[in-house]
Amino acid sequence: MRTTTQPPNLWKGVTGHLQSKIVQAMTYAAGRWGHVIFPESTHEPALECTRLLLEGPGKGWASRVFFSDNGSTAMEVALKMAFRKFLADRPPLLKAMKSAENTKGIPTALRVLGLANAYHGDTLGTMDAVAPSPYNGLRQTPWYEGRGLFLVPPTLELVSGRWMVWLHGDMAEDVPTVPQMFDSREAAFDPKRDSSLISTKPHPRTVQDVYTKYIEDCLEEYLHKGMDPLNQHLIGVCIMEPLMQGAGGMVMVDPAFQRAMVRVCRKERIPVIFDEVFSGLWRLGSMTAAEQLGMQPDIACYAKLLTGGIVPLAVTQRLQPCRSCRTLHRTPTSVIRGILADVRDRLLARARVAALWSSGTQKL
């Protein structure tokens, strides 16, 4: 039996996600514009859209917005930014890698730290930034090479009205745990539970202690193997889908584990990318999944819900300017004006709801 699936852009258009302002802008632009780019130049609607994005999902941490066409491209841009930052923070390593490249020696390869069951796009770079899966199998990507360390994270599930944490893989075998069950999603997501007990043998250990040790042990083992002169490698970036792995099967990762990953990477000065193509822009009930996770990334990507899945548009946000990064965009000005109006409406609507909620009224 064969099944037929519809792309996200199509089902969003026929099930109520369609935004009338964007459709009108598209219709108007389709007959007037064929191809529009702004390399090293821009226009007012794009600048205004950038401002709204920095005041919205990027508020408090981002300072730059890079426009591209889709989620996969946004993630490719993010990987380049992250690797560049990793090397810029380590001048001796960059010099050594350039020397090895010039002398035809064996360069040090930069790898990613990610999660099993993840998915970050269909382009070749993002395909290699995840563990083996049906998406990068032999018939999909014959030259796939998993370029990183992919951890098996604990997952969070709603069972009979209660939220439960499940350990998997080596962690489940090595750590005798105290059952973790919560009556509400807020309790399961609360950063305070990071300091709660998860194991009592051979001595009491907190959630944060157990998760951090597992991550650090995996990193140490992986990097030790990377000392082989014929296969040198370093972890140059951490990449994750915060809270929810969409294409991996709607799997919810334990927020405490992802917080532990971010803390370990901060300690090791490894840039952190949040892939919010699936989870960002109110998909999970907040402007970004990072809000519920309680952590901020160095780089984040947004795409599908930015335009309701109608216009090919994605953004990569980052902390600091990225030297030599050029903005390339193919969406007509009039379409961006429609997107801008929609983004503004969403921000204002969310602000009104937040104000009503905080005042204790029920008038939504």
Protein backbone atom coordinates (compact mmCIF):
# COMPACT_ATOMS: atom_id res chain seq x y z
CA MET A 1 0.00 0.00 0.00
CA ARG A 2 1.28 3.45 -0.87
CA THR A 3 0.64 6.59 1.10
CA THR A 4 0.79 10.13 -0.17
CA THR A 5 2.08 12.99 1.93
CA GLN A 6 1.74 16.69 1.34
CA PRO A 7 4.54 19.19 1.86
CA PRO A 8 4.18 21.58 4.83
CA ASN A 9 3.58 24.59 2.59
CA LEU A 10 0.53 22.90 1.06
CA TRP A 11 -1.17 21.66 4.20
CA LYS A 12 -0.57 24.96 5.95
CA GLY A 13 -2.31 26.66 3.07
CA VAL A 14 -5.45 24.52 3.21
CA THR A 15 -5.89 24.04 6.97
CA GLY A 16 -6.17 27.58 8.22
CA HIS A 17 -2.55 28.64 8.62
CA LEU A 18 -2.67 30.83 5.52
CA GLN A 19 -2.09 34.51 6.21
CA SER A 20 -4.16 36.78 3.96
CA LYS A 21 -1.63 39.64 4.01
CA ILE A 22 1.12 37.35 2.77
CA VAL A 23 -1.10 35.90 0.03
CA GLN A 24 -2.03 39.39 -1.18
CA ALA A 25 1.61 40.44 -1.18
CA MET A 26 2.60 37.31 -3.11
CA THR A 27 -0.12 37.83 -5.71
CA TYR A 28 0.91 41.42 -6.21
CA ALA A 29 4.62 40.60 -6.41
CA ALA A 30 4.30 37.58 -8.71
CA GLY A 31 3.36 39.74 -11.68
CA ARG A 32 5.99 42.41 -11.07
CA TRP A 33 9.17 40.72 -9.91
CA GLY A 34 11.19 37.87 -11.34
CA HIS A 35 14.38 37.82 -9.29
CA VAL A 36 15.42 40.14 -6.49
CA ILE A 37 18.60 40.04 -4.42
CA PHE A 38 20.42 42.47 -2.18
CA PRO A 39 24.08 41.48 -1.88
CA GLU A 40 25.79 44.05 0.35
CA SER A 41 22.74 46.29 0.14
CA THR A 42 19.26 46.23 1.62
CA HIS A 43 15.94 48.07 1.77
CA GLU A 44 13.64 49.46 4.44
CA PRO A 45 11.20 46.51 4.81
CA ALA A 46 14.09 44.08 5.30
CA LEU A 47 15.66 46.36 7.91
CA GLU A 48 12.34 46.68 9.73
CA CYS A 49 11.81 42.91 9.60
CA THR A 50 15.31 42.48 11.03
CA ARG A 51 14.51 44.87 13.86
CA LEU A 52 11.35 42.94 14.73
CA LEU A 53 13.22 39.64 14.71
CA LEU A 54 15.93 41.01 17.01
CA GLU A 55 13.26 42.37 19.35
CA GLY A 56 11.30 39.11 19.11
CA PRO A 57 13.05 35.71 19.04
CA GLY A 58 16.47 37.34 19.29
CA LYS A 59 15.67 39.63 22.20
CA GLY A 60 18.36 39.72 24.84
CA TRP A 61 21.05 37.85 22.95
CA ALA A 62 21.13 38.25 19.13
CA SER A 63 22.69 41.18 17.29
CA ARG A 64 22.70 40.02 13.65
CA VAL A 65 20.21 38.45 11.22
CA PHE A 66 21.23 36.55 8.08
CA PHE A 67 18.42 35.97 5.56
CA SER A 68 18.31 32.85 3.38
CA ASP A 69 15.77 30.72 1.54
CA ASN A 70 14.90 27.74 3.75
CA GLY A 71 15.64 25.91 6.97
CA SER A 72 18.39 23.71 5.52
CA THR A 73 20.24 26.72 4.13
CA ALA A 74 19.83 28.58 7.42
CA MET A 75 21.42 25.63 9.21
CA GLU A 76 24.30 25.49 6.72
CA VAL A 77 24.93 29.17 7.41
CA ALA A 78 24.77 28.49 11.15
CA LEU A 79 27.38 25.72 10.91
CA LYS A 80 29.75 28.00 8.99
CA MET A 81 29.29 30.77 11.54
CA ALA A 82 29.87 28.40 14.46
CA PHE A 83 33.02 26.83 13.03
CA ARG A 84 34.37 30.27 12.19
CA LYS A 85 33.76 31.43 15.76
CA PHE A 86 35.38 28.27 17.17
CA LEU A 87 38.55 28.88 15.16
CA ALA A 88 38.56 32.64 15.76
CA ASP A 89 38.63 31.92 19.50
CA ARG A 90 41.68 29.66 18.99
CA PRO A 91 44.29 31.47 16.84
CA PRO A 92 47.03 28.81 17.36
CA LEU A 93 44.68 26.07 16.14
CA LEU A 94 43.66 28.11 13.10
CA LYS A 95 47.32 28.75 12.27
CA ALA A 96 48.18 25.05 12.63
CA MET A 97 45.27 24.01 10.41
CA LYS A 98 46.29 26.49 7.72
CA SER A 99 49.87 25.23 7.90
CA ALA A 100 48.76 21.61 7.56
CA GLU A 101 46.57 22.53 4.61
CA ASN A 102 49.39 24.39 2.85
CA THR A 103 51.88 21.55 3.36
CA LYS A 104 49.40 18.84 2.32
CA GLY A 105 49.54 17.47 5.83
CA ILE A 106 46.65 15.91 7.74
CA PRO A 107 44.42 18.77 8.95
CA THR A 108 42.43 18.60 12.15
CA ALA A 109 38.79 17.96 11.32
CA LEU A 110 36.09 19.89 13.15
CA ARG A 111 33.09 17.82 14.21
CA VAL A 112 29.69 18.44 15.77
CA LEU A 113 28.20 17.47 19.10
CA GLY A 114 24.58 16.54 18.53
CA LEU A 115 21.77 14.22 19.52
CA ALA A 116 20.70 10.89 18.11
CA ASN A 117 17.40 10.98 16.22
CA ALA A 118 17.98 14.58 15.13
CA TYR A 119 17.33 16.16 11.74
CA HIS A 120 18.64 19.52 10.54
CA GLY A 121 17.87 19.64 6.82
CA ASP A 122 18.36 18.02 3.42
CA THR A 123 21.54 19.77 2.27
CA LEU A 124 24.75 17.76 2.28
CA GLY A 125 26.37 19.60 5.19
CA THR A 126 23.37 19.25 7.49
CA MET A 127 22.94 15.61 6.49
CA ASP A 128 26.43 14.89 7.80
CA ALA A 129 25.70 16.79 11.03
CA VAL A 130 23.34 14.08 12.32
CA ALA A 131 23.53 10.41 13.24
CA PRO A 132 22.62 7.71 10.67
CA SER A 133 18.90 7.71 9.93
CA PRO A 134 16.44 6.94 7.10
CA TYR A 135 16.96 10.52 5.90
CA ASN A 136 20.64 10.00 5.10
CA GLY A 137 20.61 6.30 4.19
CA LEU A 138 22.25 4.76 1.14
CA ARG A 139 19.44 5.63 -1.28
CA GLN A 140 19.15 9.16 0.05
CA THR A 141 22.78 10.21 0.49
CA PRO A 142 25.24 7.55 -0.77
CA TRP A 143 28.26 9.55 0.41
CA TYR A 144 26.92 10.26 3.91
CA GLU A 145 29.55 10.49 6.63
CA GLY A 146 28.41 11.21 10.17
CA ARG A 147 30.75 13.99 11.22
CA GLY A 148 30.30 14.11 14.96
CA LEU A 149 29.43 12.67 18.32
CA PHE A 150 25.72 11.98 18.68
CA LEU A 151 24.45 11.42 22.22
CA VAL A 152 21.37 9.39 23.12
CA PRO A 153 19.37 11.80 25.31
CA PRO A 154 16.78 11.08 28.00
CA THR A 155 13.26 11.69 26.76
CA LEU A 156 10.16 13.19 28.32
CA GLU A 157 6.77 11.54 27.80
CA LEU A 158 3.22 12.17 28.97
CA VAL A 159 1.92 8.87 30.40
CA SER A 160 -1.53 8.60 31.98
CA GLY A 161 -1.60 12.29 32.76
CA ARG A 162 1.89 12.45 34.26
CA TRP A 163 5.18 13.55 32.73
CA MET A 164 7.91 10.91 32.98
CA VAL A 165 11.64 10.97 32.17
CA TRP A 166 13.13 7.92 30.48
CA LEU A 167 16.85 7.18 30.22
CA HIS A 168 18.18 5.33 27.18
CA GLY A 169 21.35 3.64 25.95
CA ASP A 170 24.46 3.54 28.13
CA MET A 171 23.04 5.97 30.65
CA ALA A 172 20.09 3.68 31.41
CA GLU A 173 22.47 0.78 32.02
CA ASP A 174 25.03 2.66 34.12
CA VAL A 175 22.84 4.84 36.33
CA PRO A 176 20.40 3.33 38.87
CA THR A 177 17.86 6.14 38.98
CA VAL A 178 15.11 7.48 41.15
CA PRO A 179 11.84 7.62 39.12
CA GLN A 180 11.26 11.10 37.73
CA MET A 181 7.54 11.84 37.44
CA PHE A 182 5.82 15.22 37.36
CA ASP A 183 2.21 16.33 37.59
CA SER A 184 2.60 19.22 35.14
CA ARG A 185 4.67 20.26 32.17
CA GLU A 186 5.82 23.32 34.11
CA ALA A 187 7.29 21.10 36.83
CA ALA A 188 9.05 18.89 34.26
CA PHE A 189 10.55 21.93 32.51
CA ASP A 190 11.46 23.83 35.69
CA PRO A 191 15.24 24.48 35.81
CA LYS A 192 15.11 23.93 39.58
CA ARG A 193 14.72 20.19 39.01
CA ASP A 194 18.28 20.15 37.64
CA SER A 195 19.41 20.08 41.28
CA SER A 196 16.98 17.32 42.33
CA LEU A 197 18.18 13.79 43.06
CA ILE A 198 18.11 11.29 40.22
CA SER A 199 20.41 8.60 41.63
CA THR A 200 21.26 7.34 45.12
CA LYS A 201 23.88 4.70 44.25
CA PRO A 202 26.77 4.58 44.89
CA HIS A 203 26.04 8.02 46.40
CA PRO A 204 23.37 10.71 45.98
CA ARG A 205 23.66 12.55 42.65
CA THR A 206 21.57 15.29 41.10
CA VAL A 207 20.10 15.36 37.61
CA GLN A 208 22.71 17.90 36.58
CA ASP A 209 25.57 15.81 38.00
CA VAL A 210 24.50 12.64 36.18
CA TYR A 211 23.82 14.33 32.85
CA THR A 212 27.01 16.41 32.95
CA LYS A 213 29.19 13.41 33.75
CA TYR A 214 27.64 11.39 30.92
CA ILE A 215 28.23 14.21 28.41
CA GLU A 216 31.79 14.87 29.57
CA ASP A 217 32.68 11.15 29.56
CA CYS A 218 31.36 10.75 26.01
CA LEU A 219 33.29 13.82 24.89
CA GLU A 220 36.50 12.60 26.50
CA GLU A 221 36.23 9.18 24.87
CA TYR A 222 35.42 10.67 21.47
CA LEU A 223 38.24 13.23 21.59
CA HIS A 224 40.70 10.58 22.80
CA LYS A 225 39.95 8.58 19.66
CA GLY A 226 40.45 11.80 17.73
CA MET A 227 44.10 11.95 18.81
CA ASP A 228 44.91 9.32 16.20
CA PRO A 229 47.33 11.03 13.75
CA LEU A 230 45.36 9.57 10.85
CA ASN A 231 42.00 10.75 12.16
CA GLN A 232 42.40 13.92 14.20
CA HIS A 233 39.20 15.69 15.15
CA LEU A 234 37.80 18.24 17.58
CA ILE A 235 34.26 19.20 18.54
CA GLY A 236 33.74 22.63 16.99
CA VAL A 237 30.00 23.16 17.47
CA CYS A 238 27.03 21.85 19.44
CA ILE A 239 23.77 21.61 17.52
CA MET A 240 20.33 20.67 18.85
CA GLU A 241 16.61 21.01 18.31
CA PRO A 242 15.50 22.52 21.63
CA LEU A 243 12.84 20.45 23.42
CA MET A 244 11.25 18.73 20.41
CA GLN A 245 12.79 16.56 17.69
CA GLY A 246 10.25 16.99 14.90
CA ALA A 247 11.29 14.84 11.94
CA GLY A 248 12.75 12.32 14.38
CA GLY A 249 9.22 11.37 15.43
CA MET A 250 7.96 14.20 17.66
CA VAL A 251 10.32 13.11 20.41
CA MET A 252 10.54 15.43 23.41
CA VAL A 253 14.04 15.60 24.89
CA ASP A 254 14.45 16.10 28.64
CA PRO A 255 15.10 19.87 28.98
CA ALA A 256 17.51 19.22 31.86
CA PHE A 257 19.76 17.20 29.54
CA GLN A 258 19.89 19.94 26.92
CA ARG A 259 20.65 22.51 29.60
CA ALA A 260 23.54 20.29 30.72
CA MET A 261 24.81 20.13 27.12
CA VAL A 262 24.76 23.91 26.85
CA ARG A 263 26.61 24.33 30.16
CA VAL A 264 29.31 21.84 29.15
CA CYS A 265 29.77 23.62 25.82
CA ARG A 266 29.96 27.01 27.52
CA LYS A 267 32.72 25.62 29.73
CA GLU A 268 34.62 24.29 26.70
CA ARG A 269 33.94 27.43 24.60
CA ILE A 270 32.03 25.45 21.98
CA PRO A 271 29.42 27.52 20.07
CA VAL A 272 25.82 26.33 20.52
CA ILE A 273 23.27 26.30 17.68
CA PHE A 274 19.54 26.01 18.35
CA ASP A 275 17.69 24.62 15.33
CA GLU A 276 14.26 26.20 15.85
CA VAL A 277 13.03 25.67 12.30
CA PHE A 278 10.44 23.28 13.71
CA SER A 279 10.01 24.50 17.29
CA GLY A 280 10.36 28.27 17.04
CA LEU A 281 7.85 31.11 16.58
CA TRP A 282 5.01 29.89 18.82
CA ARG A 283 4.94 26.28 17.57
CA LEU A 284 5.34 25.05 21.16
CA GLY A 285 3.32 27.82 22.80
CA SER A 286 6.08 30.39 23.24
CA MET A 287 7.96 32.66 20.86
CA THR A 288 10.93 30.29 20.98
CA ALA A 289 11.61 26.89 22.49
CA ALA A 290 14.69 28.47 24.07
CA GLU A 291 12.36 30.41 26.38
CA GLN A 292 10.96 27.19 27.83
CA LEU A 293 14.40 25.58 27.92
CA GLY A 294 15.72 28.51 29.93
CA MET A 295 18.95 28.81 27.91
CA GLN A 296 20.20 31.11 25.17
CA PRO A 297 22.15 29.95 22.10
CA ASP A 298 25.04 31.55 20.26
CA ILE A 299 23.24 31.00 16.95
CA ALA A 300 19.61 30.12 16.16
CA CYS A 301 17.64 29.36 12.99
CA TYR A 302 13.98 29.98 12.15
CA ALA A 303 12.09 29.23 8.95
CA LYS A 304 8.70 27.57 8.39
CA LEU A 305 6.48 29.62 10.67
CA LEU A 306 8.27 32.84 9.77
CA THR A 307 5.99 33.15 6.74
CA GLY A 308 3.38 30.49 7.45
CA GLY A 309 5.16 28.16 5.03
CA ILE A 310 4.17 30.24 2.00
CA VAL A 311 7.23 32.28 1.06
CA PRO A 312 10.72 30.69 0.95
CA LEU A 313 12.37 32.57 3.79
CA ALA A 314 14.61 31.67 6.72
CA VAL A 315 16.85 33.52 9.14
CA THR A 316 19.98 32.72 11.08
CA GLN A 317 20.50 34.88 14.16
CA ARG A 318 23.79 35.18 16.00
CA LEU A 319 25.49 37.01 18.84
CA GLN A 320 28.32 38.87 17.12
CA PRO A 321 28.97 40.12 13.59
CA CYS A 322 30.19 37.46 11.19
CA ARG A 323 33.04 38.81 9.10
CA SER A 324 32.73 38.15 5.36
CA CYS A 325 29.15 36.86 5.70
CA ARG A 326 27.00 38.39 2.98
CA THR A 327 23.24 38.63 3.01
CA LEU A 328 21.67 37.01 -0.04
CA HIS A 329 17.93 37.05 -0.38
CA ARG A 330 15.48 36.44 -3.21
CA THR A 331 12.16 37.60 -1.80
CA PRO A 332 10.60 40.69 -3.45
CA THR A 333 10.20 43.85 -1.39
CA SER A 334 6.41 43.73 -1.50
CA VAL A 335 6.41 40.18 -0.13
CA ILE A 336 8.68 41.22 2.71
CA ARG A 337 6.22 44.01 3.51
CA GLY A 338 3.51 41.36 3.87
CA ILE A 339 5.77 39.24 6.06
CA LEU A 340 6.63 42.32 8.09
CA ALA A 341 2.97 43.08 8.73
CA ASP A 342 2.34 39.50 9.80
CA VAL A 343 5.35 39.41 12.15
CA ARG A 344 4.28 42.73 13.68
CA ASP A 345 0.71 41.45 14.20
CA ARG A 346 1.99 38.32 15.91
CA LEU A 347 4.28 40.26 18.23
CA LEU A 348 1.51 42.70 19.16
CA ALA A 349 -0.99 39.88 19.71
CA ARG A 350 1.42 38.04 21.96
CA ALA A 351 2.12 41.23 23.93
CA ARG A 352 -1.63 41.78 24.45
CA VAL A 353 -2.14 38.20 25.65
CA ALA A 354 0.81 38.49 28.03
CA ALA A 355 -0.54 41.76 29.44
CA LEU A 356 -4.01 40.31 30.00
CA TRP A 357 -2.60 37.17 31.54
CA SER A 358 -0.36 39.07 33.95
CA SER A 359 -3.24 41.30 35.05
CA GLY A 360 -5.30 38.26 35.96
CA THR A 361 -8.15 38.94 33.53
CA GLN A 362 -9.82 36.26 31.47
CA LYS A 363 -10.56 38.44 28.44
CA LEU A 364 -8.52 36.78 25.73
